[in-house]
Amino acid sequence: MAIEALPRPAQPRAEPITHHRTISLWSDAFDRLRRNMMAMLGLAVILLLVVLAMAGPALAPYGYNEQRLIAGEVNRGPGWAHVLGTDDFGRDVFSRILYGARTALAVGVIVVGIELVIGLTVGSLAGYYGAWLDALFMRLTDIMFAFPGLLFAIMIVAVLGPGLTNVFVALGVVSWPGMARLVRGQVLSIRQRDYVEAARAVGGSARRIILVHVLPNSLGPIVVAASLGMGTAILAESSLSFIGIGVQAPAPSWGSMINEAMNEWRTAPHLVLAPGAVIAVVVFAFNFLGDGLNDALNPRRR
């Protein structure tokens, strides 16, 4: 009698080995930012502003105060010789806009830097320590919020005197309370997390905990606020220069260019339209980038 062979048990199929790429928070945020076309457009405009600010003197066909007080060169319309025309002193508008980009970029970077230094210090100390220190700092920010920002900046510049350095100081002083409130709220939500408690339990100093564990985990909203703050600072500086207490002539500023052209805007509208359009494009670019960063870094949108 033949013995039938028992069927061999089925061998489990070997699953292919797959390697999963670990995606960090910032790489995921960058991928989200790349898919936002308006944010990328804003970033491209900002990068162009940086390039023009750094290479402006080399790209400008004329000096920013080079005057041509001869017939046909004053209030000249756009053409081959002068892309954006000339003003009432025969100065090339395009060259002055290029030089003005350096002023705008310097204002945005320095004012936001002052805002970050004061706002991060006040907000982190108030949120981490709380108690009377929190009450003191928050009452100080309430007092600052009681004054309209632009009017307060005008008062500071009027006291210190017109000039670009005083504009930096005035705009930096009036802009930090919002950053301080934002940082305080982030610190209050983070200081009770398990990793902060663990760092405190092993004897970490308050300074180390704030700098290593608290602030790095608050960078998302801070980066968004800094991006929006740069556009606000550029617009505020243009406003101060427009009313004559910002950048002083003959130094170029987009706001002062509009002020100098107000008497000729009917006969030479390009003198107002060119710097005004540049201000609008740059401010919108920072706003678009800020909105894109907010969408990319907001965990609720994941």
C-alpha atoms as a PDB file:
ATOM      1  CA  MET A   1       0.000   0.000   0.000  1.00  0.00           C
ATOM      2  CA  ALA A   2       1.468   3.293  -1.128  1.00  0.00           C
ATOM      3  CA  ILE A   3       1.947   5.906   1.494  1.00  0.00           C
ATOM      4  CA  GLU A   4       0.917   9.320   0.343  1.00  0.00           C
ATOM      5  CA  ALA A   5       3.298  12.155   1.215  1.00  0.00           C
ATOM      6  CA  LEU A   6       1.864  14.660   3.613  1.00  0.00           C
ATOM      7  CA  PRO A   7       1.605  18.175   2.225  1.00  0.00           C
ATOM      8  CA  ARG A   8       4.369  20.425   3.404  1.00  0.00           C
ATOM      9  CA  PRO A   9       3.224  23.320   5.495  1.00  0.00           C
ATOM     10  CA  ALA A  10       3.154  26.594   3.656  1.00  0.00           C
ATOM     11  CA  GLN A  11       6.134  28.763   4.422  1.00  0.00           C
ATOM     12  CA  PRO A  12       5.360  32.338   5.383  1.00  0.00           C
ATOM     13  CA  ARG A  13       6.279  34.732   2.655  1.00  0.00           C
ATOM     14  CA  ALA A  14       9.120  37.049   3.537  1.00  0.00           C
ATOM     15  CA  GLU A  15       7.975  40.626   3.567  1.00  0.00           C
ATOM     16  CA  PRO A  16      10.185  42.979   1.619  1.00  0.00           C
ATOM     17  CA  ILE A  17      12.304  45.196   3.788  1.00  0.00           C
ATOM     18  CA  THR A  18      11.252  48.795   3.409  1.00  0.00           C
ATOM     19  CA  HIS A  19      13.121  51.757   4.738  1.00  0.00           C
ATOM     20  CA  HIS A  20      10.877  54.518   6.007  1.00  0.00           C
ATOM     21  CA  ARG A  21      12.371  57.979   5.826  1.00  0.00           C
ATOM     22  CA  THR A  22      11.982  59.911   9.046  1.00  0.00           C
ATOM     23  CA  ILE A  23      10.398  63.275   8.337  1.00  0.00           C
ATOM     24  CA  SER A  24      11.238  66.015  10.811  1.00  0.00           C
ATOM     25  CA  LEU A  25       8.950  68.867  11.708  1.00  0.00           C
ATOM     26  CA  TRP A  26      10.930  71.412   9.706  1.00  0.00           C
ATOM     27  CA  SER A  27      11.279  69.252   6.576  1.00  0.00           C
ATOM     28  CA  ASP A  28       7.546  68.565   6.668  1.00  0.00           C
ATOM     29  CA  ALA A  29       6.882  72.286   7.073  1.00  0.00           C
ATOM     30  CA  PHE A  30       9.150  73.074   4.131  1.00  0.00           C
ATOM     31  CA  ASP A  31       7.293  70.557   1.961  1.00  0.00           C
ATOM     32  CA  ARG A  32       4.012  72.244   2.880  1.00  0.00           C
ATOM     33  CA  LEU A  33       5.513  75.661   2.178  1.00  0.00           C
ATOM     34  CA  ARG A  34       6.704  74.578  -1.273  1.00  0.00           C
ATOM     35  CA  ARG A  35       3.166  73.616  -2.226  1.00  0.00           C
ATOM     36  CA  ASN A  36       1.880  77.104  -1.340  1.00  0.00           C
ATOM     37  CA  MET A  37       2.307  79.095  -4.544  1.00  0.00           C
ATOM     38  CA  MET A  38       1.598  82.509  -2.988  1.00  0.00           C
ATOM     39  CA  ALA A  39       4.128  81.893  -0.214  1.00  0.00           C
ATOM     40  CA  MET A  40       6.775  80.853  -2.750  1.00  0.00           C
ATOM     41  CA  LEU A  41       5.997  83.938  -4.815  1.00  0.00           C
ATOM     42  CA  GLY A  42       6.476  86.073  -1.708  1.00  0.00           C
ATOM     43  CA  LEU A  43       9.748  84.293  -0.938  1.00  0.00           C
ATOM     44  CA  ALA A  44      10.973  84.938  -4.493  1.00  0.00           C
ATOM     45  CA  VAL A  45      10.196  88.670  -4.164  1.00  0.00           C
ATOM     46  CA  ILE A  46      12.003  88.811  -0.804  1.00  0.00           C
ATOM     47  CA  LEU A  47      15.078  87.074  -2.231  1.00  0.00           C
ATOM     48  CA  LEU A  48      15.026  89.536  -5.136  1.00  0.00           C
ATOM     49  CA  LEU A  49      14.868  92.389  -2.619  1.00  0.00           C
ATOM     50  CA  VAL A  50      17.931  90.990  -0.823  1.00  0.00           C
ATOM     51  CA  VAL A  51      19.867  90.697  -4.089  1.00  0.00           C
ATOM     52  CA  LEU A  52      18.940  94.222  -5.163  1.00  0.00           C
ATOM     53  CA  ALA A  53      19.812  95.629  -1.753  1.00  0.00           C
ATOM     54  CA  MET A  54      23.241  94.003  -1.774  1.00  0.00           C
ATOM     55  CA  ALA A  55      24.059  94.681  -5.436  1.00  0.00           C
ATOM     56  CA  GLY A  56      22.101  97.922  -5.840  1.00  0.00           C
ATOM     57  CA  PRO A  57      25.104 100.250  -6.315  1.00  0.00           C
ATOM     58  CA  ALA A  58      26.540  97.932  -8.978  1.00  0.00           C
ATOM     59  CA  LEU A  59      23.216  97.585 -10.817  1.00  0.00           C
ATOM     60  CA  ALA A  60      22.120 101.219 -10.623  1.00  0.00           C
ATOM     61  CA  PRO A  61      22.846 103.062 -13.901  1.00  0.00           C
ATOM     62  CA  TYR A  62      23.216 106.372 -12.047  1.00  0.00           C
ATOM     63  CA  GLY A  63      24.077 107.596  -8.571  1.00  0.00           C
ATOM     64  CA  TYR A  64      21.147 108.067  -6.215  1.00  0.00           C
ATOM     65  CA  ASN A  65      21.849 111.824  -5.975  1.00  0.00           C
ATOM     66  CA  GLU A  66      23.178 112.382  -9.489  1.00  0.00           C
ATOM     67  CA  GLN A  67      21.263 115.432 -10.760  1.00  0.00           C
ATOM     68  CA  ARG A  68      20.706 116.520 -14.356  1.00  0.00           C
ATOM     69  CA  LEU A  69      19.176 119.990 -14.157  1.00  0.00           C
ATOM     70  CA  ILE A  70      18.983 120.505 -17.906  1.00  0.00           C
ATOM     71  CA  ALA A  71      16.106 120.804 -20.337  1.00  0.00           C
ATOM     72  CA  GLY A  72      14.366 117.508 -20.993  1.00  0.00           C
ATOM     73  CA  GLU A  73      15.938 115.685 -18.034  1.00  0.00           C
ATOM     74  CA  VAL A  74      13.632 116.963 -15.272  1.00  0.00           C
ATOM     75  CA  ASN A  75      10.407 115.003 -14.608  1.00  0.00           C
ATOM     76  CA  ARG A  76      11.154 112.878 -17.630  1.00  0.00           C
ATOM     77  CA  GLY A  77       8.854 109.952 -18.272  1.00  0.00           C
ATOM     78  CA  PRO A  78       9.983 106.321 -18.480  1.00  0.00           C
ATOM     79  CA  GLY A  79      12.168 105.521 -21.465  1.00  0.00           C
ATOM     80  CA  TRP A  80      15.328 103.789 -22.618  1.00  0.00           C
ATOM     81  CA  ALA A  81      17.691 106.182 -20.877  1.00  0.00           C
ATOM     82  CA  HIS A  82      15.673 106.185 -17.636  1.00  0.00           C
ATOM     83  CA  VAL A  83      13.554 103.065 -17.117  1.00  0.00           C
ATOM     84  CA  LEU A  84      11.283 104.684 -14.531  1.00  0.00           C
ATOM     85  CA  GLY A  85      11.868 108.301 -15.514  1.00  0.00           C
ATOM     86  CA  THR A  86      13.462 111.126 -13.520  1.00  0.00           C
ATOM     87  CA  ASP A  87      12.274 113.348 -10.665  1.00  0.00           C
ATOM     88  CA  ASP A  88      12.161 117.131 -10.392  1.00  0.00           C
ATOM     89  CA  PHE A  89      15.938 117.243  -9.785  1.00  0.00           C
ATOM     90  CA  GLY A  90      16.719 115.107 -12.819  1.00  0.00           C
ATOM     91  CA  ARG A  91      17.631 112.084 -10.668  1.00  0.00           C
ATOM     92  CA  ASP A  92      17.017 108.600 -12.014  1.00  0.00           C
ATOM     93  CA  VAL A  93      14.020 107.054 -10.207  1.00  0.00           C
ATOM     94  CA  PHE A  94      15.106 103.455 -10.861  1.00  0.00           C
ATOM     95  CA  SER A  95      18.528 104.068  -9.303  1.00  0.00           C
ATOM     96  CA  ARG A  96      16.974 105.685  -6.245  1.00  0.00           C
ATOM     97  CA  ILE A  97      14.590 102.735  -5.813  1.00  0.00           C
ATOM     98  CA  LEU A  98      17.549 100.332  -5.933  1.00  0.00           C
ATOM     99  CA  TYR A  99      19.393 102.317  -3.278  1.00  0.00           C
ATOM    100  CA  GLY A 100      16.160 102.587  -1.269  1.00  0.00           C
ATOM    101  CA  ALA A 101      15.971  98.789  -1.164  1.00  0.00           C
ATOM    102  CA  ARG A 102      19.028  98.817   1.107  1.00  0.00           C
ATOM    103  CA  THR A 103      17.236 101.137   3.514  1.00  0.00           C
ATOM    104  CA  ALA A 104      14.089  99.001   3.479  1.00  0.00           C
ATOM    105  CA  LEU A 105      15.973  95.755   4.090  1.00  0.00           C
ATOM    106  CA  ALA A 106      18.070  97.292   6.870  1.00  0.00           C
ATOM    107  CA  VAL A 107      14.925  98.590   8.581  1.00  0.00           C
ATOM    108  CA  GLY A 108      13.197  95.212   8.368  1.00  0.00           C
ATOM    109  CA  VAL A 109      16.157  93.223   9.701  1.00  0.00           C
ATOM    110  CA  ILE A 110      17.246  95.607  12.477  1.00  0.00           C
ATOM    111  CA  VAL A 111      13.758  96.464  13.732  1.00  0.00           C
ATOM    112  CA  VAL A 112      12.725  92.804  13.858  1.00  0.00           C
ATOM    113  CA  GLY A 113      16.043  92.009  15.562  1.00  0.00           C
ATOM    114  CA  ILE A 114      15.296  94.554  18.287  1.00  0.00           C
ATOM    115  CA  GLU A 115      11.758  93.189  18.546  1.00  0.00           C
ATOM    116  CA  LEU A 116      13.046  89.638  18.974  1.00  0.00           C
ATOM    117  CA  VAL A 117      15.677  90.519  21.573  1.00  0.00           C
ATOM    118  CA  ILE A 118      13.265  92.429  23.797  1.00  0.00           C
ATOM    119  CA  GLY A 119      10.206  90.302  23.097  1.00  0.00           C
ATOM    120  CA  LEU A 120      11.945  86.956  23.644  1.00  0.00           C
ATOM    121  CA  THR A 121      13.560  88.152  26.871  1.00  0.00           C
ATOM    122  CA  VAL A 122      10.424  89.670  28.378  1.00  0.00           C
ATOM    123  CA  GLY A 123       8.060  86.943  27.190  1.00  0.00           C
ATOM    124  CA  SER A 124      10.219  83.994  28.234  1.00  0.00           C
ATOM    125  CA  LEU A 125      10.952  85.397  31.699  1.00  0.00           C
ATOM    126  CA  ALA A 126       7.313  86.326  32.295  1.00  0.00           C
ATOM    127  CA  GLY A 127       5.997  82.959  31.113  1.00  0.00           C
ATOM    128  CA  TYR A 128       8.576  80.787  32.883  1.00  0.00           C
ATOM    129  CA  TYR A 129       8.761  82.474  36.282  1.00  0.00           C
ATOM    130  CA  GLY A 130       5.214  83.831  36.478  1.00  0.00           C
ATOM    131  CA  ALA A 131       4.058  85.410  39.758  1.00  0.00           C
ATOM    132  CA  TRP A 132       5.007  89.055  40.300  1.00  0.00           C
ATOM    133  CA  LEU A 133       7.464  89.126  37.407  1.00  0.00           C
ATOM    134  CA  ASP A 134       4.746  88.050  34.992  1.00  0.00           C
ATOM    135  CA  ALA A 135       2.361  90.666  36.369  1.00  0.00           C
ATOM    136  CA  LEU A 136       5.014  93.411  36.092  1.00  0.00           C
ATOM    137  CA  PHE A 137       5.972  92.616  32.507  1.00  0.00           C
ATOM    138  CA  MET A 138       2.392  92.169  31.324  1.00  0.00           C
ATOM    139  CA  ARG A 139       1.296  95.477  32.850  1.00  0.00           C
ATOM    140  CA  LEU A 140       4.200  97.079  31.023  1.00  0.00           C
ATOM    141  CA  THR A 141       3.050  95.584  27.738  1.00  0.00           C
ATOM    142  CA  ASP A 142      -0.507  96.782  28.468  1.00  0.00           C
ATOM    143  CA  ILE A 143       0.831 100.315  28.843  1.00  0.00           C
ATOM    144  CA  MET A 144       2.671  99.996  25.528  1.00  0.00           C
ATOM    145  CA  PHE A 145      -0.464  98.686  23.805  1.00  0.00           C
ATOM    146  CA  ALA A 146      -2.409 101.711  25.082  1.00  0.00           C
ATOM    147  CA  PHE A 147      -0.480 103.969  22.663  1.00  0.00           C
ATOM    148  CA  PRO A 148      -1.099 103.747  18.893  1.00  0.00           C
ATOM    149  CA  GLY A 149       2.089 102.261  17.483  1.00  0.00           C
ATOM    150  CA  LEU A 150       2.763 104.699  14.639  1.00  0.00           C
ATOM    151  CA  LEU A 151       1.917 107.767  16.733  1.00  0.00           C
ATOM    152  CA  PHE A 152       4.174 106.527  19.520  1.00  0.00           C
ATOM    153  CA  ALA A 153       6.995 106.018  16.991  1.00  0.00           C
ATOM    154  CA  ILE A 154       6.436 109.550  15.655  1.00  0.00           C
ATOM    155  CA  MET A 155       6.708 110.923  19.195  1.00  0.00           C
ATOM    156  CA  ILE A 156       9.964 109.023  19.843  1.00  0.00           C
ATOM    157  CA  VAL A 157      11.532 110.211  16.572  1.00  0.00           C
ATOM    158  CA  ALA A 158      10.371 113.771  17.286  1.00  0.00           C
ATOM    159  CA  VAL A 159      12.132 113.632  20.655  1.00  0.00           C
ATOM    160  CA  LEU A 160      15.313 111.937  19.418  1.00  0.00           C
ATOM    161  CA  GLY A 161      15.445 113.772  16.097  1.00  0.00           C
ATOM    162  CA  PRO A 162      14.991 112.563  12.502  1.00  0.00           C
ATOM    163  CA  GLY A 163      17.398 110.017  11.079  1.00  0.00           C
ATOM    164  CA  LEU A 164      17.611 106.344  10.188  1.00  0.00           C
ATOM    165  CA  THR A 165      19.183 105.274  13.496  1.00  0.00           C
ATOM    166  CA  ASN A 166      16.413 106.926  15.502  1.00  0.00           C
ATOM    167  CA  VAL A 167      13.850 105.244  13.233  1.00  0.00           C
ATOM    168  CA  PHE A 168      15.389 101.874  14.164  1.00  0.00           C
ATOM    169  CA  VAL A 169      15.082 102.697  17.854  1.00  0.00           C
ATOM    170  CA  ALA A 170      11.526 104.044  17.619  1.00  0.00           C
ATOM    171  CA  LEU A 171      10.110 101.152  15.592  1.00  0.00           C
ATOM    172  CA  GLY A 172      11.942  98.570  17.712  1.00  0.00           C
ATOM    173  CA  VAL A 173      10.556 100.068  20.932  1.00  0.00           C
ATOM    174  CA  VAL A 174       6.941 100.097  19.738  1.00  0.00           C
ATOM    175  CA  SER A 175       6.996  96.621  18.150  1.00  0.00           C
ATOM    176  CA  TRP A 176       8.205  94.345  20.972  1.00  0.00           C
ATOM    177  CA  PRO A 177       4.992  94.067  23.105  1.00  0.00           C
ATOM    178  CA  GLY A 178       3.222  91.851  20.565  1.00  0.00           C
ATOM    179  CA  MET A 179       6.214  89.520  20.365  1.00  0.00           C
ATOM    180  CA  ALA A 180       6.445  89.402  24.169  1.00  0.00           C
ATOM    181  CA  ARG A 181       2.781  88.395  24.468  1.00  0.00           C
ATOM    182  CA  LEU A 182       3.232  85.691  21.838  1.00  0.00           C
ATOM    183  CA  VAL A 183       6.351  84.235  23.474  1.00  0.00           C
ATOM    184  CA  ARG A 184       4.760  84.335  26.936  1.00  0.00           C
ATOM    185  CA  GLY A 185       1.781  82.310  25.699  1.00  0.00           C
ATOM    186  CA  GLN A 186       4.081  79.721  24.110  1.00  0.00           C
ATOM    187  CA  VAL A 187       6.213  79.422  27.242  1.00  0.00           C
ATOM    188  CA  LEU A 188       3.151  78.993  29.463  1.00  0.00           C
ATOM    189  CA  SER A 189       1.992  76.050  27.347  1.00  0.00           C
ATOM    190  CA  ILE A 190       5.429  74.411  27.165  1.00  0.00           C
ATOM    191  CA  ARG A 191       6.863  74.843  30.659  1.00  0.00           C
ATOM    192  CA  GLN A 192       4.638  72.063  32.087  1.00  0.00           C
ATOM    193  CA  ARG A 193       5.595  69.479  29.451  1.00  0.00           C
ATOM    194  CA  ASP A 194       7.239  66.260  30.570  1.00  0.00           C
ATOM    195  CA  TYR A 195      10.640  66.983  29.001  1.00  0.00           C
ATOM    196  CA  VAL A 196      10.780  70.378  30.739  1.00  0.00           C
ATOM    197  CA  GLU A 197       9.880  68.765  34.071  1.00  0.00           C
ATOM    198  CA  ALA A 198      12.557  66.125  33.492  1.00  0.00           C
ATOM    199  CA  ALA A 199      15.169  68.779  32.748  1.00  0.00           C
ATOM    200  CA  ARG A 200      14.165  70.624  35.900  1.00  0.00           C
ATOM    201  CA  ALA A 201      14.305  67.401  37.948  1.00  0.00           C
ATOM    202  CA  VAL A 202      17.902  66.629  36.941  1.00  0.00           C
ATOM    203  CA  GLY A 203      18.992  70.063  38.099  1.00  0.00           C
ATOM    204  CA  GLY A 204      18.955  72.057  34.873  1.00  0.00           C
ATOM    205  CA  SER A 205      19.207  75.786  35.405  1.00  0.00           C
ATOM    206  CA  ALA A 206      16.328  78.051  34.388  1.00  0.00           C
ATOM    207  CA  ARG A 207      18.517  79.716  31.761  1.00  0.00           C
ATOM    208  CA  ARG A 208      19.427  76.376  30.165  1.00  0.00           C
ATOM    209  CA  ILE A 209      15.854  75.102  30.247  1.00  0.00           C
ATOM    210  CA  ILE A 210      14.554  78.251  28.570  1.00  0.00           C
ATOM    211  CA  LEU A 211      17.262  78.362  25.879  1.00  0.00           C
ATOM    212  CA  VAL A 212      17.500  74.624  25.161  1.00  0.00           C
ATOM    213  CA  HIS A 213      14.023  73.221  25.799  1.00  0.00           C
ATOM    214  CA  VAL A 214      11.414  76.005  25.808  1.00  0.00           C
ATOM    215  CA  LEU A 215      12.315  78.532  23.118  1.00  0.00           C
ATOM    216  CA  PRO A 216      13.368  75.996  20.423  1.00  0.00           C
ATOM    217  CA  ASN A 217       9.924  74.392  20.710  1.00  0.00           C
ATOM    218  CA  SER A 218       8.277  77.810  20.279  1.00  0.00           C
ATOM    219  CA  LEU A 219      10.022  78.754  17.045  1.00  0.00           C
ATOM    220  CA  GLY A 220       7.067  78.143  14.736  1.00  0.00           C
ATOM    221  CA  PRO A 221       4.861  81.075  15.803  1.00  0.00           C
ATOM    222  CA  ILE A 222       7.934  83.255  16.390  1.00  0.00           C
ATOM    223  CA  VAL A 223       9.168  82.749  12.809  1.00  0.00           C
ATOM    224  CA  VAL A 224       5.715  83.620  11.467  1.00  0.00           C
ATOM    225  CA  ALA A 225       5.508  86.778  13.588  1.00  0.00           C
ATOM    226  CA  ALA A 226       9.022  87.849  12.536  1.00  0.00           C
ATOM    227  CA  SER A 227       8.166  87.466   8.857  1.00  0.00           C
ATOM    228  CA  LEU A 228       5.014  89.547   9.198  1.00  0.00           C
ATOM    229  CA  GLY A 229       6.900  92.068  11.359  1.00  0.00           C
ATOM    230  CA  MET A 230       9.434  92.799   8.626  1.00  0.00           C
ATOM    231  CA  GLY A 231       6.722  93.919   6.223  1.00  0.00           C
ATOM    232  CA  THR A 232       5.148  96.032   8.954  1.00  0.00           C
ATOM    233  CA  ALA A 233       8.503  97.653   9.765  1.00  0.00           C
ATOM    234  CA  ILE A 234       9.164  98.551   6.118  1.00  0.00           C
ATOM    235  CA  LEU A 235       5.716 100.106   5.817  1.00  0.00           C
ATOM    236  CA  ALA A 236       6.172 102.051   9.076  1.00  0.00           C
ATOM    237  CA  GLU A 237       9.562 103.399   7.980  1.00  0.00           C
ATOM    238  CA  SER A 238       8.063 104.509   4.660  1.00  0.00           C
ATOM    239  CA  SER A 239       5.309 106.296   6.588  1.00  0.00           C
ATOM    240  CA  LEU A 240       7.803 108.110   8.825  1.00  0.00           C
ATOM    241  CA  SER A 241       9.925 109.104   5.836  1.00  0.00           C
ATOM    242  CA  PHE A 242       6.816 110.268   3.987  1.00  0.00           C
ATOM    243  CA  ILE A 243       5.971 112.780   6.707  1.00  0.00           C
ATOM    244  CA  GLY A 244       9.586 113.970   6.832  1.00  0.00           C
ATOM    245  CA  ILE A 245      10.929 112.544  10.105  1.00  0.00           C
ATOM    246  CA  GLY A 246      12.497 109.356   8.791  1.00  0.00           C
ATOM    247  CA  VAL A 247      15.355 109.066   6.316  1.00  0.00           C
ATOM    248  CA  GLN A 248      16.603 112.538   5.457  1.00  0.00           C
ATOM    249  CA  ALA A 249      17.456 113.873   2.001  1.00  0.00           C
ATOM    250  CA  PRO A 250      19.370 113.219  -0.116  1.00  0.00           C
ATOM    251  CA  ALA A 251      19.463 109.615   1.164  1.00  0.00           C
ATOM    252  CA  PRO A 252      16.885 107.577  -0.776  1.00  0.00           C
ATOM    253  CA  SER A 253      13.849 106.059   0.888  1.00  0.00           C
ATOM    254  CA  TRP A 254      10.705 104.863  -0.826  1.00  0.00           C
ATOM    255  CA  GLY A 255       8.534 106.899   1.524  1.00  0.00           C
ATOM    256  CA  SER A 256      10.520 110.118   1.070  1.00  0.00           C
ATOM    257  CA  MET A 257      10.448 109.616  -2.717  1.00  0.00           C
ATOM    258  CA  ILE A 258       6.654 109.684  -2.612  1.00  0.00           C
ATOM    259  CA  ASN A 259       6.717 112.769  -0.392  1.00  0.00           C
ATOM    260  CA  GLU A 260       9.051 114.630  -2.748  1.00  0.00           C
ATOM    261  CA  ALA A 261       6.809 113.845  -5.726  1.00  0.00           C
ATOM    262  CA  MET A 262       3.466 114.900  -4.239  1.00  0.00           C
ATOM    263  CA  ASN A 263       3.552 118.299  -5.979  1.00  0.00           C
ATOM    264  CA  GLU A 264       4.132 116.712  -9.406  1.00  0.00           C
ATOM    265  CA  TRP A 265       1.900 113.652  -9.205  1.00  0.00           C
ATOM    266  CA  ARG A 266      -0.610 115.077 -11.702  1.00  0.00           C
ATOM    267  CA  THR A 267       1.963 115.863 -14.388  1.00  0.00           C
ATOM    268  CA  ALA A 268       4.445 113.080 -13.521  1.00  0.00           C
ATOM    269  CA  PRO A 269       2.473 110.233 -11.899  1.00  0.00           C
ATOM    270  CA  HIS A 270       5.348 107.786 -12.349  1.00  0.00           C
ATOM    271  CA  LEU A 271       7.193 109.538  -9.516  1.00  0.00           C
ATOM    272  CA  VAL A 272       4.506 108.355  -7.060  1.00  0.00           C
ATOM    273  CA  LEU A 273       3.447 105.119  -8.725  1.00  0.00           C
ATOM    274  CA  ALA A 274       6.926 103.564  -8.950  1.00  0.00           C
ATOM    275  CA  PRO A 275       7.963 103.712  -5.260  1.00  0.00           C
ATOM    276  CA  GLY A 276       4.370 103.147  -4.123  1.00  0.00           C
ATOM    277  CA  ALA A 277       4.095  99.969  -6.190  1.00  0.00           C
ATOM    278  CA  VAL A 278       7.430  98.715  -4.851  1.00  0.00           C
ATOM    279  CA  ILE A 279       6.310  99.269  -1.248  1.00  0.00           C
ATOM    280  CA  ALA A 280       3.038  97.437  -1.906  1.00  0.00           C
ATOM    281  CA  VAL A 281       4.736  94.471  -3.608  1.00  0.00           C
ATOM    282  CA  VAL A 282       7.334  94.045  -0.846  1.00  0.00           C
ATOM    283  CA  VAL A 283       4.795  94.307   1.992  1.00  0.00           C
ATOM    284  CA  PHE A 284       2.463  91.834   0.263  1.00  0.00           C
ATOM    285  CA  ALA A 285       5.420  89.475  -0.253  1.00  0.00           C
ATOM    286  CA  PHE A 286       6.196  89.392   3.474  1.00  0.00           C
ATOM    287  CA  ASN A 287       2.501  88.905   4.273  1.00  0.00           C
ATOM    288  CA  PHE A 288       2.182  86.038   1.785  1.00  0.00           C
ATOM    289  CA  LEU A 289       5.294  84.378   3.191  1.00  0.00           C
ATOM    290  CA  GLY A 290       4.035  84.849   6.747  1.00  0.00           C
ATOM    291  CA  ASP A 291       0.671  83.296   5.900  1.00  0.00           C
ATOM    292  CA  GLY A 292       2.432  80.403   4.178  1.00  0.00           C
ATOM    293  CA  LEU A 293       4.679  79.818   7.174  1.00  0.00           C
ATOM    294  CA  ASN A 294       1.646  79.897   9.448  1.00  0.00           C
ATOM    295  CA  ASP A 295      -0.053  77.206   7.365  1.00  0.00           C
ATOM    296  CA  ALA A 296       3.129  75.129   7.202  1.00  0.00           C
ATOM    297  CA  LEU A 297       4.047  75.324  10.887  1.00  0.00           C
ATOM    298  CA  ASN A 298       0.540  75.134  12.346  1.00  0.00           C
ATOM    299  CA  PRO A 299       0.113  71.603  13.789  1.00  0.00           C
ATOM    300  CA  ARG A 300      -3.679  71.861  13.551  1.00  0.00           C
ATOM    301  CA  ARG A 301      -3.440  71.826   9.771  1.00  0.00           C
ATOM    302  CA  ARG A 302      -1.613  68.483   9.673  1.00  0.00           C
END
